PDB file of all heavy atoms in Angstrom:
ATOM      1  N   ARG A   1     268.339-131.764 -88.437  1.00  0.00           N
ATOM      2  CA  ARG A   1     267.554-131.653 -89.629  1.00  0.00           C
ATOM      3  C   ARG A   1     266.470-130.481 -89.437  1.00  0.00           C
ATOM      4  O   ARG A   1     266.277-129.656 -90.336  1.00  0.00           O
ATOM      5  CB  ARG A   1     266.896-132.969 -90.052  1.00  0.00           C
ATOM      6  CG  ARG A   1     266.003-132.880 -91.384  1.00  0.00           C
ATOM      7  CD  ARG A   1     265.063-133.975 -91.439  1.00  0.00           C
ATOM      8  NE  ARG A   1     264.053-133.937 -90.510  1.00  0.00           N
ATOM      9  CZ  ARG A   1     263.358-134.953 -90.034  1.00  0.00           C
ATOM     10  NH1 ARG A   1     263.609-136.218 -90.509  1.00  0.00           N
ATOM     11  NH2 ARG A   1     262.569-134.810 -89.129  1.00  0.00           N
ATOM     12  N   ASP A   2     265.729-130.547 -88.415  1.00  0.00           N
ATOM     13  CA  ASP A   2     264.655-129.525 -88.132  1.00  0.00           C
ATOM     14  C   ASP A   2     265.344-128.133 -87.984  1.00  0.00           C
ATOM     15  O   ASP A   2     264.744-127.090 -88.343  1.00  0.00           O
ATOM     16  CB  ASP A   2     263.882-129.957 -86.853  1.00  0.00           C
ATOM     17  CG  ASP A   2     263.027-131.138 -87.101  1.00  0.00           C
ATOM     18  OD1 ASP A   2     262.760-131.473 -88.254  1.00  0.00           O
ATOM     19  OD2 ASP A   2     262.549-131.806 -86.061  1.00  0.00           O
ATOM     20  N   TRP A   3     266.522-128.123 -87.275  1.00  0.00           N
ATOM     21  CA  TRP A   3     267.193-126.777 -87.136  1.00  0.00           C
ATOM     22  C   TRP A   3     267.603-126.219 -88.498  1.00  0.00           C
ATOM     23  O   TRP A   3     267.362-125.002 -88.754  1.00  0.00           O
ATOM     24  CB  TRP A   3     268.462-126.979 -86.085  1.00  0.00           C
ATOM     25  CG  TRP A   3     269.143-125.622 -85.926  1.00  0.00           C
ATOM     26  CD1 TRP A   3     268.983-124.812 -84.964  1.00  0.00           C
ATOM     27  CD2 TRP A   3     270.139-125.193 -86.786  1.00  0.00           C
ATOM     28  NE1 TRP A   3     269.748-123.650 -85.124  1.00  0.00           N
ATOM     29  CE2 TRP A   3     270.533-123.856 -86.220  1.00  0.00           C
ATOM     30  CE3 TRP A   3     270.834-125.623 -87.896  1.00  0.00           C
ATOM     31  CZ2 TRP A   3     271.601-123.145 -86.719  1.00  0.00           C
ATOM     32  CZ3 TRP A   3     271.886-124.811 -88.396  1.00  0.00           C
ATOM     33  CH2 TRP A   3     272.303-123.617 -87.831  1.00  0.00           C
ATOM     34  N   LYS A   4     268.135-127.024 -89.313  1.00  0.00           N
ATOM     35  CA  LYS A   4     268.503-126.608 -90.584  1.00  0.00           C
ATOM     36  C   LYS A   4     267.412-126.049 -91.427  1.00  0.00           C
ATOM     37  O   LYS A   4     267.313-125.093 -92.138  1.00  0.00           O
ATOM     38  CB  LYS A   4     269.220-127.780 -91.422  1.00  0.00           C
ATOM     39  CG  LYS A   4     269.801-127.291 -92.675  1.00  0.00           C
ATOM     40  CD  LYS A   4     270.583-128.479 -93.337  1.00  0.00           C
ATOM     41  CE  LYS A   4     271.213-127.954 -94.777  1.00  0.00           C
ATOM     42  NZ  LYS A   4     271.887-129.152 -95.376  1.00  0.00           N
ATOM     43  N   ARG A   5     266.247-126.882 -91.383  1.00  0.00           N
ATOM     44  CA  ARG A   5     265.029-126.405 -92.092  1.00  0.00           C
ATOM     45  C   ARG A   5     264.549-125.005 -91.625  1.00  0.00           C
ATOM     46  O   ARG A   5     264.072-124.231 -92.317  1.00  0.00           O
ATOM     47  CB  ARG A   5     263.867-127.446 -91.906  1.00  0.00           C
ATOM     48  CG  ARG A   5     264.197-128.684 -92.787  1.00  0.00           C
ATOM     49  CD  ARG A   5     263.064-129.649 -92.591  1.00  0.00           C
ATOM     50  NE  ARG A   5     263.066-130.868 -93.413  1.00  0.00           N
ATOM     51  CZ  ARG A   5     262.312-131.820 -93.383  1.00  0.00           C
ATOM     52  NH1 ARG A   5     261.338-131.825 -92.588  1.00  0.00           N
ATOM     53  NH2 ARG A   5     262.349-132.764 -94.200  1.00  0.00           N
ATOM     54  N   GLN A   6     264.744-124.882 -90.362  1.00  0.00           N
ATOM     55  CA  GLN A   6     264.093-123.593 -89.782  1.00  0.00           C
ATOM     56  C   GLN A   6     265.036-122.466 -89.829  1.00  0.00           C
ATOM     57  O   GLN A   6     264.572-121.204 -90.156  1.00  0.00           O
ATOM     58  CB  GLN A   6     263.877-123.783 -88.317  1.00  0.00           C
ATOM     59  CG  GLN A   6     262.664-124.599 -88.040  1.00  0.00           C
ATOM     60  CD  GLN A   6     262.538-124.749 -86.505  1.00  0.00           C
ATOM     61  OE1 GLN A   6     262.348-123.737 -85.727  1.00  0.00           O
ATOM     62  NE2 GLN A   6     262.425-125.973 -85.862  1.00  0.00           N
ATOM     63  N   ASN A   7     266.345-122.631 -90.161  1.00  0.00           N
ATOM     64  CA  ASN A   7     267.288-121.594 -90.151  1.00  0.00           C
ATOM     65  C   ASN A   7     267.909-121.224 -91.674  1.00  0.00           C
ATOM     66  O   ASN A   7     268.419-120.241 -91.815  1.00  0.00           O
ATOM     67  CB  ASN A   7     268.510-121.867 -89.274  1.00  0.00           C
ATOM     68  CG  ASN A   7     268.045-121.600 -87.728  1.00  0.00           C
ATOM     69  OD1 ASN A   7     267.905-120.614 -87.291  1.00  0.00           O
ATOM     70  ND2 ASN A   7     267.740-122.831 -87.173  1.00  0.00           N
ATOM     71  N   GLN A   8     267.821-122.217 -92.525  1.00  0.00           N
ATOM     72  CA  GLN A   8     268.289-121.854 -93.918  1.00  0.00           C
ATOM     73  C   GLN A   8     267.311-120.975 -94.543  1.00  0.00           C
ATOM     74  O   GLN A   8     266.102-120.780 -94.282  1.00  0.00           O
ATOM     75  CB  GLN A   8     268.418-123.038 -94.687  1.00  0.00           C
ATOM     76  CG  GLN A   8     267.049-123.840 -95.087  1.00  0.00           C
ATOM     77  CD  GLN A   8     267.304-125.188 -95.805  1.00  0.00           C
ATOM     78  OE1 GLN A   8     268.398-125.695 -95.773  1.00  0.00           O
ATOM     79  NE2 GLN A   8     266.226-125.570 -96.532  1.00  0.00           N
ATOM     80  N   LYS A   9     267.844-120.119 -95.374  1.00  0.00           N
ATOM     81  CA  LYS A   9     267.005-119.082 -96.136  1.00  0.00           C
ATOM     82  C   LYS A   9     266.307-119.768 -97.224  1.00  0.00           C
ATOM     83  O   LYS A   9     266.907-120.400 -98.102  1.00  0.00           O
ATOM     84  CB  LYS A   9     267.959-118.000 -96.670  1.00  0.00           C
ATOM     85  CG  LYS A   9     268.436-116.993 -95.515  1.00  0.00           C
ATOM     86  CD  LYS A   9     269.265-115.929 -96.064  1.00  0.00           C
ATOM     87  CE  LYS A   9     269.714-115.089 -94.977  1.00  0.00           C
ATOM     88  NZ  LYS A   9     270.691-114.001 -95.381  1.00  0.00           N
ATOM     89  N   GLN A  10     264.999-119.792 -97.288  1.00  0.00           N
ATOM     90  CA  GLN A  10     264.209-120.369 -98.255  1.00  0.00           C
ATOM     91  C   GLN A  10     264.226-119.385 -99.501  1.00  0.00           C
ATOM     92  O   GLN A  10     264.022-118.162 -99.437  1.00  0.00           O
ATOM     93  CB  GLN A  10     262.774-120.481 -97.869  1.00  0.00           C
ATOM     94  CG  GLN A  10     261.853-121.190 -98.752  1.00  0.00           C
ATOM     95  CD  GLN A  10     262.242-122.764 -99.017  1.00  0.00           C
ATOM     96  OE1 GLN A  10     262.910-123.259 -98.052  1.00  0.00           O
ATOM     97  NE2 GLN A  10     261.691-123.397 -99.992  1.00  0.00           N
ATOM     98  N   GLN A  11     264.504-120.037-100.674  1.00  0.00           N
ATOM     99  CA  GLN A  11     264.563-119.219-101.938  1.00  0.00           C
ATOM    100  C   GLN A  11     263.244-119.063-102.472  1.00  0.00           C
ATOM    101  O   GLN A  11     262.416-119.865-102.377  1.00  0.00           O
ATOM    102  CB  GLN A  11     265.469-119.893-102.953  1.00  0.00           C
ATOM    103  CG  GLN A  11     266.933-120.100-102.460  1.00  0.00           C
ATOM    104  CD  GLN A  11     267.632-118.825-102.109  1.00  0.00           C
ATOM    105  OE1 GLN A  11     267.668-117.866-102.916  1.00  0.00           O
ATOM    106  NE2 GLN A  11     268.183-118.883-100.832  1.00  0.00           N
ATOM    107  N   SER A  12     263.018-117.767-103.044  1.00  0.00           N
ATOM    108  CA  SER A  12     261.757-117.527-103.781  1.00  0.00           C
ATOM    109  C   SER A  12     261.567-118.423-105.021  1.00  0.00           C
ATOM    110  O   SER A  12     262.526-118.965-105.601  1.00  0.00           O
ATOM    111  CB  SER A  12     261.741-116.116-104.134  1.00  0.00           C
ATOM    112  OG  SER A  12     262.637-115.777-105.160  1.00  0.00           O
ATOM    113  N   LYS A  13     260.316-118.615-105.365  1.00  0.00           N
ATOM    114  CA  LYS A  13     259.941-119.263-106.692  1.00  0.00           C
ATOM    115  C   LYS A  13     260.236-118.322-107.935  1.00  0.00           C
ATOM    116  O   LYS A  13     259.912-117.121-107.763  1.00  0.00           O
ATOM    117  CB  LYS A  13     258.585-119.805-106.711  1.00  0.00           C
ATOM    118  CG  LYS A  13     258.279-120.812-105.530  1.00  0.00           C
ATOM    119  CD  LYS A  13     259.018-122.155-105.898  1.00  0.00           C
ATOM    120  CE  LYS A  13     258.405-122.920-107.125  1.00  0.00           C
ATOM    121  NZ  LYS A  13     259.183-124.155-107.403  1.00  0.00           N
ATOM    122  N   PRO A  14     260.944-118.814-108.883  1.00  0.00           N
ATOM    123  CA  PRO A  14     261.280-117.982-110.057  1.00  0.00           C
ATOM    124  C   PRO A  14     260.145-117.260-110.670  1.00  0.00           C
ATOM    125  O   PRO A  14     260.195-115.952-110.963  1.00  0.00           O
ATOM    126  CB  PRO A  14     261.900-118.868-111.062  1.00  0.00           C
ATOM    127  CG  PRO A  14     262.467-120.064-110.071  1.00  0.00           C
ATOM    128  CD  PRO A  14     261.566-120.079-109.030  1.00  0.00           C
ATOM    129  N   GLU A  15     258.901-117.903-110.776  1.00  0.00           N
ATOM    130  CA  GLU A  15     257.758-117.251-111.316  1.00  0.00           C
ATOM    131  C   GLU A  15     257.227-116.158-110.587  1.00  0.00           C
ATOM    132  O   GLU A  15     256.784-115.187-111.000  1.00  0.00           O
ATOM    133  CB  GLU A  15     256.731-118.328-111.590  1.00  0.00           C
ATOM    134  CG  GLU A  15     256.327-119.199-110.442  1.00  0.00           C
ATOM    135  CD  GLU A  15     257.110-120.554-110.367  1.00  0.00           C
ATOM    136  OE1 GLU A  15     258.351-120.486-110.473  1.00  0.00           O
ATOM    137  OE2 GLU A  15     256.537-121.538-110.263  1.00  0.00           O
ATOM    138  N   LEU A  16     257.322-116.207-109.262  1.00  0.00           N
ATOM    139  CA  LEU A  16     256.973-115.153-108.207  1.00  0.00           C
ATOM    140  C   LEU A  16     257.828-113.939-108.476  1.00  0.00           C
ATOM    141  O   LEU A  16     257.437-112.863-108.463  1.00  0.00           O
ATOM    142  CB  LEU A  16     256.886-115.610-106.812  1.00  0.00           C
ATOM    143  CG  LEU A  16     255.628-116.199-106.275  1.00  0.00           C
ATOM    144  CD1 LEU A  16     254.664-115.096-106.196  1.00  0.00           C
ATOM    145  CD2 LEU A  16     254.972-117.333-107.091  1.00  0.00           C
ATOM    146  N   SER A  17     259.238-114.239-108.470  1.00  0.00           N
ATOM    147  CA  SER A  17     260.127-113.298-108.579  1.00  0.00           C
ATOM    148  C   SER A  17     259.915-112.384-109.974  1.00  0.00           C
ATOM    149  O   SER A  17     260.080-111.131-110.039  1.00  0.00           O
ATOM    150  CB  SER A  17     261.651-113.792-108.611  1.00  0.00           C
ATOM    151  OG  SER A  17     261.941-114.305-107.398  1.00  0.00           O
ATOM    152  N   ALA A  18     259.625-113.281-111.005  1.00  0.00           N
ATOM    153  CA  ALA A  18     259.485-112.592-112.357  1.00  0.00           C
ATOM    154  C   ALA A  18     258.274-111.626-112.247  1.00  0.00           C
ATOM    155  O   ALA A  18     258.279-110.519-112.854  1.00  0.00           O
ATOM    156  CB  ALA A  18     259.357-113.571-113.413  1.00  0.00           C
ATOM    157  N   LYS A  19     257.136-112.078-111.659  1.00  0.00           N
ATOM    158  CA  LYS A  19     255.984-111.265-111.587  1.00  0.00           C
ATOM    159  C   LYS A  19     256.206-110.067-110.831  1.00  0.00           C
ATOM    160  O   LYS A  19     255.797-108.834-111.267  1.00  0.00           O
ATOM    161  CB  LYS A  19     254.759-112.095-111.035  1.00  0.00           C
ATOM    162  CG  LYS A  19     254.163-113.142-112.036  1.00  0.00           C
ATOM    163  CD  LYS A  19     252.949-113.738-111.443  1.00  0.00           C
ATOM    164  CE  LYS A  19     252.173-114.358-112.671  1.00  0.00           C
ATOM    165  NZ  LYS A  19     251.578-113.526-113.549  1.00  0.00           N
ATOM    166  N   LEU A  20     256.764-110.159-109.647  1.00  0.00           N
ATOM    167  CA  LEU A  20     257.009-108.971-108.814  1.00  0.00           C
ATOM    168  C   LEU A  20     257.995-108.031-109.586  1.00  0.00           C
ATOM    169  O   LEU A  20     257.840-106.805-109.499  1.00  0.00           O
ATOM    170  CB  LEU A  20     257.495-109.403-107.471  1.00  0.00           C
ATOM    171  CG  LEU A  20     256.440-110.115-106.501  1.00  0.00           C
ATOM    172  CD1 LEU A  20     257.222-110.624-105.255  1.00  0.00           C
ATOM    173  CD2 LEU A  20     255.407-109.226-106.166  1.00  0.00           C
ATOM    174  N   GLY A  21     258.944-108.650-110.243  1.00  0.00           N
ATOM    175  CA  GLY A  21     259.965-107.857-111.018  1.00  0.00           C
ATOM    176  C   GLY A  21     259.337-107.043-112.032  1.00  0.00           C
ATOM    177  O   GLY A  21     259.600-105.723-112.323  1.00  0.00           O
ATOM    178  N   LYS A  22     258.325-107.561-112.759  1.00  0.00           N
ATOM    179  CA  LYS A  22     257.500-106.846-113.892  1.00  0.00           C
ATOM    180  C   LYS A  22     256.754-105.744-113.233  1.00  0.00           C
ATOM    181  O   LYS A  22     256.680-104.596-113.836  1.00  0.00           O
ATOM    182  CB  LYS A  22     256.727-107.748-114.546  1.00  0.00           C
ATOM    183  CG  LYS A  22     257.415-108.690-115.489  1.00  0.00           C
ATOM    184  CD  LYS A  22     256.456-109.723-116.158  1.00  0.00           C
ATOM    185  CE  LYS A  22     257.110-110.676-117.154  1.00  0.00           C
ATOM    186  NZ  LYS A  22     256.200-111.526-117.785  1.00  0.00           N
ATOM    187  N   LEU A  23     256.119-105.908-112.098  1.00  0.00           N
ATOM    188  CA  LEU A  23     255.400-104.892-111.386  1.00  0.00           C
ATOM    189  C   LEU A  23     256.306-103.716-111.017  1.00  0.00           C
ATOM    190  O   LEU A  23     255.947-102.595-111.062  1.00  0.00           O
ATOM    191  CB  LEU A  23     254.615-105.454-110.126  1.00  0.00           C
ATOM    192  CG  LEU A  23     253.419-106.367-110.474  1.00  0.00           C
ATOM    193  CD1 LEU A  23     252.967-106.952-109.178  1.00  0.00           C
ATOM    194  CD2 LEU A  23     252.328-105.703-111.234  1.00  0.00           C
ATOM    195  N   GLN A  24     257.491-104.144-110.447  1.00  0.00           N
ATOM    196  CA  GLN A  24     258.432-103.043-110.018  1.00  0.00           C
ATOM    197  C   GLN A  24     258.941-102.179-111.220  1.00  0.00           C
ATOM    198  O   GLN A  24     259.019-100.970-111.224  1.00  0.00           O
ATOM    199  CB  GLN A  24     259.596-103.827-109.415  1.00  0.00           C
ATOM    200  CG  GLN A  24     260.725-102.643-109.097  1.00  0.00           C
ATOM    201  CD  GLN A  24     262.043-103.329-108.452  1.00  0.00           C
ATOM    202  OE1 GLN A  24     261.844-104.417-107.945  1.00  0.00           O
ATOM    203  NE2 GLN A  24     263.125-102.632-108.585  1.00  0.00           N
ATOM    204  N   LYS A  25     259.213-102.855-112.308  1.00  0.00           N
ATOM    205  CA  LYS A  25     259.699-102.265-113.557  1.00  0.00           C
ATOM    206  C   LYS A  25     258.569-101.235-114.114  1.00  0.00           C
ATOM    207  O   LYS A  25     258.989-100.027-114.602  1.00  0.00           O
ATOM    208  CB  LYS A  25     260.084-103.227-114.603  1.00  0.00           C
ATOM    209  CG  LYS A  25     260.570-102.654-115.791  1.00  0.00           C
ATOM    210  CD  LYS A  25     261.004-103.753-116.898  1.00  0.00           C
ATOM    211  CE  LYS A  25     261.609-103.111-118.103  1.00  0.00           C
ATOM    212  NZ  LYS A  25     262.031-104.227-119.143  1.00  0.00           N
ATOM    213  N   LYS A  26     257.330-101.704-114.028  1.00  0.00           N
ATOM    214  CA  LYS A  26     256.265-100.888-114.527  1.00  0.00           C
ATOM    215  C   LYS A  26     256.023 -99.690-113.693  1.00  0.00           C
ATOM    216  O   LYS A  26     255.860 -98.603-114.099  1.00  0.00           O
ATOM    217  CB  LYS A  26     254.883-101.754-114.489  1.00  0.00           C
ATOM    218  CG  LYS A  26     253.730-100.985-115.082  1.00  0.00           C
ATOM    219  CD  LYS A  26     252.466-102.028-115.189  1.00  0.00           C
ATOM    220  CE  LYS A  26     251.296-101.196-115.772  1.00  0.00           C
ATOM    221  NZ  LYS A  26     250.151-102.067-115.834  1.00  0.00           N
ATOM    222  N   ALA A  27     256.084 -99.959-112.379  1.00  0.00           N
ATOM    223  CA  ALA A  27     255.941 -98.703-111.434  1.00  0.00           C
ATOM    224  C   ALA A  27     256.965 -97.754-111.496  1.00  0.00           C
ATOM    225  O   ALA A  27     256.736 -96.560-111.543  1.00  0.00           O
ATOM    226  CB  ALA A  27     255.798 -99.262-109.992  1.00  0.00           C
ATOM    227  N   ASP A  28     258.248 -98.193-111.547  1.00  0.00           N
ATOM    228  CA  ASP A  28     259.376 -97.285-111.554  1.00  0.00           C
ATOM    229  C   ASP A  28     259.415 -96.603-112.919  1.00  0.00           C
ATOM    230  O   ASP A  28     259.880 -95.385-113.030  1.00  0.00           O
ATOM    231  CB  ASP A  28     260.675 -98.059-111.261  1.00  0.00           C
ATOM    232  CG  ASP A  28     260.918 -98.498-109.887  1.00  0.00           C
ATOM    233  OD1 ASP A  28     260.308 -97.818-109.009  1.00  0.00           O
ATOM    234  OD2 ASP A  28     261.671 -99.327-109.524  1.00  0.00           O
ATOM    235  N   GLY A  29     258.989 -97.305-114.014  1.00  0.00           N
ATOM    236  CA  GLY A  29     258.900 -96.573-115.280  1.00  0.00           C
ATOM    237  C   GLY A  29     257.830 -95.501-115.319  1.00  0.00           C
ATOM    238  O   GLY A  29     257.997 -94.457-115.823  1.00  0.00           O
ATOM    239  N   LEU A  30     256.742 -95.790-114.629  1.00  0.00           N
ATOM    240  CA  LEU A  30     255.672 -94.704-114.522  1.00  0.00           C
ATOM    241  C   LEU A  30     256.168 -93.593-113.878  1.00  0.00           C
ATOM    242  O   LEU A  30     255.845 -92.379-114.325  1.00  0.00           O
ATOM    243  CB  LEU A  30     254.418 -95.368-113.839  1.00  0.00           C
ATOM    244  CG  LEU A  30     253.513 -96.288-114.702  1.00  0.00           C
ATOM    245  CD1 LEU A  30     252.449 -96.902-113.691  1.00  0.00           C
ATOM    246  CD2 LEU A  30     252.747 -95.385-115.686  1.00  0.00           C
ATOM    247  N   SER A  31     256.940 -93.669-112.817  1.00  0.00           N
ATOM    248  CA  SER A  31     257.461 -92.610-112.186  1.00  0.00           C
ATOM    249  C   SER A  31     258.283 -91.621-113.020  1.00  0.00           C
ATOM    250  O   SER A  31     258.081 -90.441-112.924  1.00  0.00           O
ATOM    251  CB  SER A  31     258.216 -93.102-110.861  1.00  0.00           C
ATOM    252  OG  SER A  31     258.787 -91.915-110.200  1.00  0.00           O
ATOM    253  N   TYR A  32     259.104 -92.284-113.694  1.00  0.00           N
ATOM    254  CA  TYR A  32     259.937 -91.491-114.557  1.00  0.00           C
ATOM    255  C   TYR A  32     259.196 -90.828-115.751  1.00  0.00           C
ATOM    256  O   TYR A  32     259.410 -89.582-116.058  1.00  0.00           O
ATOM    257  CB  TYR A  32     261.075 -92.492-115.214  1.00  0.00           C
ATOM    258  CG  TYR A  32     261.968 -91.763-116.185  1.00  0.00           C
ATOM    259  CD1 TYR A  32     262.915 -90.843-115.796  1.00  0.00           C
ATOM    260  CD2 TYR A  32     261.893 -92.085-117.670  1.00  0.00           C
ATOM    261  CE1 TYR A  32     263.860 -90.244-116.863  1.00  0.00           C
ATOM    262  CE2 TYR A  32     262.632 -91.505-118.518  1.00  0.00           C
ATOM    263  CZ  TYR A  32     263.664 -90.607-118.150  1.00  0.00           C
ATOM    264  OH  TYR A  32     264.474 -89.950-119.003  1.00  0.00           O
ATOM    265  N   ARG A  33     258.177 -91.544-116.330  1.00  0.00           N
ATOM    266  CA  ARG A  33     257.398 -90.945-117.327  1.00  0.00           C
ATOM    267  C   ARG A  33     256.526 -89.723-116.813  1.00  0.00           C
ATOM    268  O   ARG A  33     256.395 -88.745-117.568  1.00  0.00           O
ATOM    269  CB  ARG A  33     256.516 -91.936-118.084  1.00  0.00           C
ATOM    270  CG  ARG A  33     257.399 -93.019-118.871  1.00  0.00           C
ATOM    271  CD  ARG A  33     256.419 -93.787-119.781  1.00  0.00           C
ATOM    272  NE  ARG A  33     255.492 -94.639-119.105  1.00  0.00           N
ATOM    273  CZ  ARG A  33     255.948 -95.942-118.759  1.00  0.00           C
ATOM    274  NH1 ARG A  33     257.199 -96.307-118.894  1.00  0.00           N
ATOM    275  NH2 ARG A  33     255.104 -96.685-118.023  1.00  0.00           N
ATOM    276  N   LEU A  34     256.186 -89.864-115.619  1.00  0.00           N
ATOM    277  CA  LEU A  34     255.391 -88.725-115.000  1.00  0.00           C
ATOM    278  C   LEU A  34     256.292 -87.500-114.840  1.00  0.00           C
ATOM    279  O   LEU A  34     255.886 -86.398-115.248  1.00  0.00           O
ATOM    280  CB  LEU A  34     254.761 -89.146-113.740  1.00  0.00           C
ATOM    281  CG  LEU A  34     254.055 -88.098-112.877  1.00  0.00           C
ATOM    282  CD1 LEU A  34     252.934 -87.574-113.675  1.00  0.00           C
ATOM    283  CD2 LEU A  34     253.674 -88.673-111.587  1.00  0.00           C
ATOM    284  N   MET A  35     257.439 -87.771-114.430  1.00  0.00           N
ATOM    285  CA  MET A  35     258.460 -86.665-114.333  1.00  0.00           C
ATOM    286  C   MET A  35     258.845 -86.056-115.635  1.00  0.00           C
ATOM    287  O   MET A  35     258.920 -84.784-115.725  1.00  0.00           O
ATOM    288  CB  MET A  35     259.714 -87.018-113.637  1.00  0.00           C
ATOM    289  CG  MET A  35     259.706 -87.041-112.080  1.00  0.00           C
ATOM    290  SD  MET A  35     258.905 -85.569-111.396  1.00  0.00           S
ATOM    291  CE  MET A  35     259.969 -84.441-112.200  1.00  0.00           C
ATOM    292  N   MET A  36     259.004 -86.802-116.608  1.00  0.00           N
ATOM    293  CA  MET A  36     259.316 -86.262-117.948  1.00  0.00           C
ATOM    294  C   MET A  36     258.245 -85.486-118.474  1.00  0.00           C
ATOM    295  O   MET A  36     258.435 -84.469-119.192  1.00  0.00           O
ATOM    296  CB  MET A  36     259.726 -87.412-118.927  1.00  0.00           C
ATOM    297  CG  MET A  36     261.028 -88.151-118.515  1.00  0.00           C
ATOM    298  SD  MET A  36     262.471 -87.040-118.198  1.00  0.00           S
ATOM    299  CE  MET A  36     262.650 -86.397-119.919  1.00  0.00           C
ATOM    300  N   GLU A  37     256.948 -85.884-118.292  1.00  0.00           N
ATOM    301  CA  GLU A  37     255.754 -85.178-118.742  1.00  0.00           C
ATOM    302  C   GLU A  37     255.670 -83.839-118.037  1.00  0.00           C
ATOM    303  O   GLU A  37     255.424 -82.742-118.653  1.00  0.00           O
ATOM    304  CB  GLU A  37     254.448 -86.011-118.448  1.00  0.00           C
ATOM    305  CG  GLU A  37     253.245 -85.344-118.985  1.00  0.00           C
ATOM    306  CD  GLU A  37     251.929 -86.226-118.779  1.00  0.00           C
ATOM    307  OE1 GLU A  37     252.180 -87.373-118.377  1.00  0.00           O
ATOM    308  OE2 GLU A  37     250.912 -85.666-119.067  1.00  0.00           O
ATOM    309  N   TYR A  38     256.013 -83.888-116.766  1.00  0.00           N
ATOM    310  CA  TYR A  38     256.107 -82.568-115.981  1.00  0.00           C
ATOM    311  C   TYR A  38     257.031 -81.614-116.471  1.00  0.00           C
ATOM    312  O   TYR A  38     256.900 -80.417-116.519  1.00  0.00           O
ATOM    313  CB  TYR A  38     256.304 -82.894-114.442  1.00  0.00           C
ATOM    314  CG  TYR A  38     256.146 -81.650-113.529  1.00  0.00           C
ATOM    315  CD1 TYR A  38     254.927 -81.201-113.279  1.00  0.00           C
ATOM    316  CD2 TYR A  38     257.395 -81.008-113.102  1.00  0.00           C
ATOM    317  CE1 TYR A  38     254.867 -79.981-112.405  1.00  0.00           C
ATOM    318  CE2 TYR A  38     257.396 -79.970-112.318  1.00  0.00           C
ATOM    319  CZ  TYR A  38     256.090 -79.440-111.975  1.00  0.00           C
ATOM    320  OH  TYR A  38     255.960 -78.333-111.209  1.00  0.00           O
ATOM    321  N   LEU A  39     258.264 -82.130-116.812  1.00  0.00           N
ATOM    322  CA  LEU A  39     259.304 -81.230-117.358  1.00  0.00           C
ATOM    323  C   LEU A  39     258.935 -80.757-118.679  1.00  0.00           C
ATOM    324  O   LEU A  39     259.215 -79.545-118.982  1.00  0.00           O
ATOM    325  CB  LEU A  39     260.549 -82.137-117.553  1.00  0.00           C
ATOM    326  CG  LEU A  39     261.423 -82.423-116.328  1.00  0.00           C
ATOM    327  CD1 LEU A  39     262.502 -83.508-116.449  1.00  0.00           C
ATOM    328  CD2 LEU A  39     262.254 -81.111-115.981  1.00  0.00           C
ATOM    329  N   ARG A  40     258.151 -81.472-119.510  1.00  0.00           N
ATOM    330  CA  ARG A  40     257.721 -80.944-120.880  1.00  0.00           C
ATOM    331  C   ARG A  40     256.592 -79.943-120.627  1.00  0.00           C
ATOM    332  O   ARG A  40     256.452 -78.930-121.324  1.00  0.00           O
ATOM    333  CB  ARG A  40     257.274 -82.012-121.764  1.00  0.00           C
ATOM    334  CG  ARG A  40     258.376 -82.856-122.254  1.00  0.00           C
ATOM    335  CD  ARG A  40     257.968 -83.788-123.338  1.00  0.00           C
ATOM    336  NE  ARG A  40     256.951 -84.832-122.855  1.00  0.00           N
ATOM    337  CZ  ARG A  40     257.154 -86.069-122.389  1.00  0.00           C
ATOM    338  NH1 ARG A  40     258.445 -86.404-122.280  1.00  0.00           N
ATOM    339  NH2 ARG A  40     256.331 -86.733-121.953  1.00  0.00           N
ATOM    340  N   ASP A  41     255.514 -80.399-119.769  1.00  0.00           N
ATOM    341  CA  ASP A  41     254.313 -79.443-119.696  1.00  0.00           C
ATOM    342  C   ASP A  41     253.871 -79.590-118.191  1.00  0.00           C
ATOM    343  O   ASP A  41     252.902 -80.298-117.973  1.00  0.00           O
ATOM    344  CB  ASP A  41     253.300 -80.019-120.613  1.00  0.00           C
ATOM    345  CG  ASP A  41     252.146 -79.055-120.795  1.00  0.00           C
ATOM    346  OD1 ASP A  41     252.019 -78.050-119.930  1.00  0.00           O
ATOM    347  OD2 ASP A  41     251.323 -79.289-121.696  1.00  0.00           O
ATOM    348  N   PRO A  42     254.439 -78.705-117.306  1.00  0.00           N
ATOM    349  CA  PRO A  42     254.011 -78.785-115.873  1.00  0.00           C
ATOM    350  C   PRO A  42     252.455 -78.451-115.726  1.00  0.00           C
ATOM    351  O   PRO A  42     251.885 -78.996-114.834  1.00  0.00           O
ATOM    352  CB  PRO A  42     254.910 -77.825-115.189  1.00  0.00           C
ATOM    353  CG  PRO A  42     255.421 -76.947-116.296  1.00  0.00           C
ATOM    354  CD  PRO A  42     255.465 -77.838-117.477  1.00  0.00           C
ATOM    355  N   ASP A  43     252.027 -77.501-116.443  1.00  0.00           N
ATOM    356  CA  ASP A  43     250.512 -77.099-116.379  1.00  0.00           C
ATOM    357  C   ASP A  43     249.679 -78.238-116.555  1.00  0.00           C
ATOM    358  O   ASP A  43     248.609 -78.326-115.913  1.00  0.00           O
ATOM    359  CB  ASP A  43     250.321 -75.887-117.227  1.00  0.00           C
ATOM    360  CG  ASP A  43     250.954 -74.669-116.840  1.00  0.00           C
ATOM    361  OD1 ASP A  43     251.386 -74.671-115.655  1.00  0.00           O
ATOM    362  OD2 ASP A  43     251.243 -73.752-117.646  1.00  0.00           O
TER     363      ASP A  43
END
């Protein structure tokens, strides 16, 4: 029982995954928007 507890992969909590996923989406979106702004007006 103890071996199984130590070696099985613990799954993340859905609410944590959702929060980190939203942060990732926001950051990756900011990167793309910054590039599109640079393409339109680099100066």
